[in-house]
C-alpha atoms as a PDB file:
ATOM      1  CA  MET A   1       0.000   0.000   0.000  1.00  0.00           C
ATOM      2  CA  TRP A   2       1.435   3.311  -1.093  1.00  0.00           C
ATOM      3  CA  LEU A   3       0.936   6.466   0.839  1.00  0.00           C
ATOM      4  CA  CYS A   4       1.039   9.666  -1.082  1.00  0.00           C
ATOM      5  CA  ARG A   5       2.611  12.435   0.907  1.00  0.00           C
ATOM      6  CA  ARG A   6       2.727  15.972  -0.296  1.00  0.00           C
ATOM      7  CA  SER A   7       5.377  18.384   0.633  1.00  0.00           C
ATOM      8  CA  LYS A   8       4.429  21.736   2.136  1.00  0.00           C
ATOM      9  CA  LYS A   9       5.593  23.462  -1.012  1.00  0.00           C
ATOM     10  CA  SER A  10       3.213  21.525  -3.288  1.00  0.00           C
ATOM     11  CA  THR A  11       0.312  22.024  -0.864  1.00  0.00           C
ATOM     12  CA  VAL A  12       0.878  25.773  -0.836  1.00  0.00           C
ATOM     13  CA  ARG A  13       1.101  25.800  -4.632  1.00  0.00           C
ATOM     14  CA  THR A  14      -2.126  23.769  -4.943  1.00  0.00           C
ATOM     15  CA  THR A  15      -3.930  26.056  -2.509  1.00  0.00           C
ATOM     16  CA  LYS A  16      -2.711  29.126  -4.361  1.00  0.00           C
ATOM     17  CA  MET A  17      -3.852  27.674  -7.693  1.00  0.00           C
ATOM     18  CA  ALA A  18      -7.262  26.825  -6.204  1.00  0.00           C
ATOM     19  CA  LEU A  19      -7.630  30.395  -4.924  1.00  0.00           C
ATOM     20  CA  GLN A  20      -6.662  31.760  -8.327  1.00  0.00           C
ATOM     21  CA  ALA A  21      -9.255  29.531 -10.008  1.00  0.00           C
ATOM     22  CA  ARG A  22     -11.951  30.642  -7.524  1.00  0.00           C
ATOM     23  CA  ALA A  23     -10.999  34.282  -8.019  1.00  0.00           C
ATOM     24  CA  ARG A  24     -11.113  33.916 -11.806  1.00  0.00           C
ATOM     25  CA  SER A  25     -14.515  32.231 -11.631  1.00  0.00           C
ATOM     26  CA  LEU A  26     -15.835  34.883  -9.255  1.00  0.00           C
ATOM     27  CA  TYR A  27     -14.521  37.684 -11.462  1.00  0.00           C
ATOM     28  CA  ARG A  28     -16.246  36.235 -14.520  1.00  0.00           C
ATOM     29  CA  SER A  29     -19.512  35.773 -12.633  1.00  0.00           C
ATOM     30  CA  LEU A  30     -19.397  39.321 -11.275  1.00  0.00           C
ATOM     31  CA  TYR A  31     -18.540  40.673 -14.726  1.00  0.00           C
ATOM     32  CA  ARG A  32     -21.543  38.898 -16.275  1.00  0.00           C
ATOM     33  CA  GLU A  33     -23.857  40.028 -13.511  1.00  0.00           C
ATOM     34  CA  VAL A  34     -22.784  43.678 -13.716  1.00  0.00           C
ATOM     35  CA  LYS A  35     -23.332  43.538 -17.484  1.00  0.00           C
ATOM     36  CA  LEU A  36     -26.855  42.193 -16.912  1.00  0.00           C
ATOM     37  CA  GLN A  37     -27.795  45.022 -14.584  1.00  0.00           C
ATOM     38  CA  SER A  38     -29.790  47.597 -16.514  1.00  0.00           C
ATOM     39  CA  HIS A  39     -28.242  51.016 -16.037  1.00  0.00           C
ATOM     40  CA  PRO A  40     -28.758  54.025 -18.265  1.00  0.00           C
ATOM     41  CA  VAL A  41     -26.125  55.347 -20.606  1.00  0.00           C
ATOM     42  CA  VAL A  42     -24.172  58.347 -19.323  1.00  0.00           C
ATOM     43  CA  THR A  43     -22.435  60.948 -21.485  1.00  0.00           C
ATOM     44  CA  VAL A  44     -18.808  61.429 -20.463  1.00  0.00           C
ATOM     45  CA  ASN A  45     -16.581  63.772 -22.499  1.00  0.00           C
ATOM     46  CA  ASN A  46     -19.107  63.846 -25.378  1.00  0.00           C
ATOM     47  CA  ALA A  47     -19.169  60.036 -25.581  1.00  0.00           C
ATOM     48  CA  ASP A  48     -21.966  57.730 -24.525  1.00  0.00           C
ATOM     49  CA  VAL A  49     -20.590  55.340 -21.938  1.00  0.00           C
ATOM     50  CA  PRO A  50     -22.641  52.630 -20.233  1.00  0.00           C
ATOM     51  CA  TYR A  51     -23.039  53.499 -16.551  1.00  0.00           C
ATOM     52  CA  ASN A  52     -21.886  50.044 -15.493  1.00  0.00           C
ATOM     53  CA  SER A  53     -18.466  50.507 -17.147  1.00  0.00           C
ATOM     54  CA  GLN A  54     -17.412  52.402 -14.010  1.00  0.00           C
ATOM     55  CA  TYR A  55     -18.219  49.309 -11.968  1.00  0.00           C
ATOM     56  CA  LEU A  56     -16.337  47.086 -14.386  1.00  0.00           C
ATOM     57  CA  THR A  57     -13.262  49.317 -14.215  1.00  0.00           C
ATOM     58  CA  HIS A  58     -13.348  49.235 -10.420  1.00  0.00           C
ATOM     59  CA  LEU A  59     -13.911  45.470 -10.455  1.00  0.00           C
ATOM     60  CA  ARG A  60     -10.879  44.920 -12.672  1.00  0.00           C
ATOM     61  CA  ALA A  61      -8.703  47.140 -10.463  1.00  0.00           C
ATOM     62  CA  THR A  62      -9.834  45.238  -7.364  1.00  0.00           C
ATOM     63  CA  PHE A  63      -8.953  41.868  -8.848  1.00  0.00           C
ATOM     64  CA  ASP A  64      -5.562  43.122 -10.021  1.00  0.00           C
ATOM     65  CA  LYS A  65      -4.493  43.929  -6.452  1.00  0.00           C
ATOM     66  CA  THR A  66      -2.659  41.478  -4.232  1.00  0.00           C
ATOM     67  CA  LEU A  67      -4.658  41.102  -1.059  1.00  0.00           C
ATOM     68  CA  PRO A  68      -3.354  40.009   2.360  1.00  0.00           C
ATOM     69  CA  ASN A  69      -6.318  37.704   3.098  1.00  0.00           C
ATOM     70  CA  PRO A  70      -7.722  36.366  -0.202  1.00  0.00           C
ATOM     71  CA  GLU A  71     -10.149  33.884   1.434  1.00  0.00           C
ATOM     72  CA  SER A  72     -12.165  36.613   3.168  1.00  0.00           C
ATOM     73  CA  GLU A  73     -12.078  38.810   0.073  1.00  0.00           C
ATOM     74  CA  LEU A  74     -13.417  35.959  -2.067  1.00  0.00           C
ATOM     75  CA  LYS A  75     -16.199  35.455   0.481  1.00  0.00           C
ATOM     76  CA  LYS A  76     -17.096  39.159   0.282  1.00  0.00           C
ATOM     77  CA  GLY A  77     -17.071  38.973  -3.508  1.00  0.00           C
ATOM     78  CA  ASP A  78     -19.307  35.912  -3.436  1.00  0.00           C
ATOM     79  CA  ASP A  79     -21.731  37.703  -1.102  1.00  0.00           C
ATOM     80  CA  PHE A  80     -21.753  40.709  -3.441  1.00  0.00           C
ATOM     81  CA  LEU A  81     -22.478  38.430  -6.412  1.00  0.00           C
ATOM     82  CA  HIS A  82     -25.482  36.968  -4.596  1.00  0.00           C
ATOM     83  CA  PHE A  83     -26.631  40.488  -3.725  1.00  0.00           C
ATOM     84  CA  LEU A  84     -26.490  41.552  -7.392  1.00  0.00           C
ATOM     85  CA  GLN A  85     -28.383  38.446  -8.493  1.00  0.00           C
ATOM     86  CA  GLY A  86     -31.033  39.091  -5.850  1.00  0.00           C
ATOM     87  CA  GLN A  87     -31.404  42.719  -6.908  1.00  0.00           C
ATOM     88  CA  ARG A  88     -31.848  41.737 -10.547  1.00  0.00           C
ATOM     89  CA  GLU A  89     -34.522  39.193  -9.620  1.00  0.00           C
ATOM     90  CA  TYR A  90     -36.197  41.729  -7.335  1.00  0.00           C
ATOM     91  CA  LYS A  91     -36.396  44.266 -10.182  1.00  0.00           C
ATOM     92  CA  ALA A  92     -37.846  41.657 -12.540  1.00  0.00           C
ATOM     93  CA  LEU A  93     -40.506  40.646  -9.991  1.00  0.00           C
ATOM     94  CA  LEU A  94     -41.323  44.260  -9.204  1.00  0.00           C
ATOM     95  CA  GLU A  95     -41.870  45.029 -12.901  1.00  0.00           C
ATOM     96  CA  ARG A  96     -43.884  41.840 -13.349  1.00  0.00           C
ATOM     97  CA  TYR A  97     -46.289  42.384 -10.457  1.00  0.00           C
ATOM     98  CA  ASN A  98     -46.464  46.197 -10.628  1.00  0.00           C
ATOM     99  CA  PRO A  99     -46.585  46.987 -14.342  1.00  0.00           C
ATOM    100  CA  SER A 100     -47.643  50.588 -13.772  1.00  0.00           C
ATOM    101  CA  ILE A 101     -44.417  51.665 -12.053  1.00  0.00           C
ATOM    102  CA  GLY A 102     -42.820  53.438 -15.008  1.00  0.00           C
ATOM    103  CA  MET A 103     -45.999  54.921 -16.514  1.00  0.00           C
ATOM    104  CA  ASP A 104     -47.205  58.487 -16.609  1.00  0.00           C
ATOM    105  CA  PRO A 105     -50.501  59.272 -14.805  1.00  0.00           C
ATOM    106  CA  GLU A 106     -52.578  59.522 -18.010  1.00  0.00           C
ATOM    107  CA  GLU A 107     -51.479  56.070 -19.127  1.00  0.00           C
ATOM    108  CA  LYS A 108     -52.334  54.655 -15.671  1.00  0.00           C
ATOM    109  CA  ILE A 109     -55.850  56.138 -15.882  1.00  0.00           C
ATOM    110  CA  ARG A 110     -56.357  54.744 -19.388  1.00  0.00           C
ATOM    111  CA  LEU A 111     -55.244  51.255 -18.359  1.00  0.00           C
ATOM    112  CA  THR A 112     -57.365  51.347 -15.203  1.00  0.00           C
ATOM    113  CA  GLY A 113     -60.393  52.225 -17.329  1.00  0.00           C
ATOM    114  CA  ARG A 114     -59.663  49.364 -19.726  1.00  0.00           C
ATOM    115  CA  ARG A 115     -59.322  46.968 -16.792  1.00  0.00           C
ATOM    116  CA  VAL A 116     -62.919  47.666 -15.703  1.00  0.00           C
ATOM    117  CA  GLY A 117     -64.294  47.710 -19.252  1.00  0.00           C
ATOM    118  CA  PHE A 118     -64.166  51.383 -20.262  1.00  0.00           C
ATOM    119  CA  ASP A 119     -62.287  52.654 -23.253  1.00  0.00           C
ATOM    120  CA  LEU A 120     -61.531  56.306 -22.675  1.00  0.00           C
ATOM    121  CA  PRO A 121     -61.921  58.530 -25.704  1.00  0.00           C
ATOM    122  CA  THR A 122     -58.807  60.075 -27.172  1.00  0.00           C
ATOM    123  CA  GLU A 123     -58.472  63.713 -26.299  1.00  0.00           C
ATOM    124  CA  TYR A 124     -58.509  66.257 -29.080  1.00  0.00           C
ATOM    125  CA  LYS A 125     -55.409  68.396 -29.068  1.00  0.00           C
ATOM    126  CA  GLU A 126     -55.613  71.599 -31.015  1.00  0.00           C
ATOM    127  CA  ASP A 127     -52.573  72.517 -33.148  1.00  0.00           C
ATOM    128  CA  LYS A 128     -51.760  76.197 -33.193  1.00  0.00           C
END
């Protein structure tokens, strides 16, 4: 019967590689999730830039740093990923069950009338 013994050096290397793989996976998941968040486009220096590009730049800078305690930082990143996923699902459910959230008051009145069986007449607007 053979016993496989690892040296401390190989164990440290394996642990470091596992942390790098987890960090890479977490980065990709966070990147995808930030891309899925719906943020408006912002104009910066006469160029339309997606609002979430600021987050992506910060995310990249964070993952480029060498951190003293990578385990706790990966846990925080994982918690943040779950928070983003929850927020996206919350927004989808809010829009699904409250469809009148983004409407103007006239549109709300028209849809309320249609719900109870009334079709409101279109208002005549005079052109001057």
